[in-house]
């Protein structure tokens, strides 16, 4: 694999462009290099995961260069002080065209599901950008950051993410996407050590995901 693209770098933090098909950190029963392994080898120094993207999701992700920076970033994610915008190509047309999805999510047997009781509150704001044939390009903004949150919320809206067979998408003729078409587009936060505002954008490789 070629070098991971670095979108932002200072002495404390990186923002890199995660490719598809790569775990951020090791998982039970899985072998092979992770994103953290590859970035560490590329820089010649240890780096630390701050948050996660699903294996099939691409785009901007924050990585810490030191344990101090990792620990300093953690509260920002806990209180949702990191702005995170995603691009998703979904099946069909969302109705309404924009809105807020709020539910409780719980992982059950390897799947994250909407539940009535228990679970954790999950909030996603979304808006339609453009129709793309039988699909729609949607911007999603996380107000919370639960596992598989956008994927589950788009399924609940009746518009599963194209390529996301785990959460309801059924490929039609001519649809050949091998991964969920979800991309971490923009990320912004106040640097927890320097105080400088960090704003990073990652342009998707796939043209159907580009706004």
Foldseek 3Di string as FASTA:
>chain_A
DDAWAWFDDDQWKTKTKFAAQAWQDDDPPDDDDHPQRRNCVVVVHHKAAQDGDDRGETGIGMITRDPVQSVLCNVCQVQVQKKWKKKFKWAAAFPPQWDKDWFFWDDDPNDIAGDDDDHHIWMKTKHWDDDDVRITIMMIIGSHDDPCRVQRRCLVRVIGTQCCVVRDDDDDPPRDDPGRRMYGAKMWHQRSPPRDIDIGGDADPDPVRGD
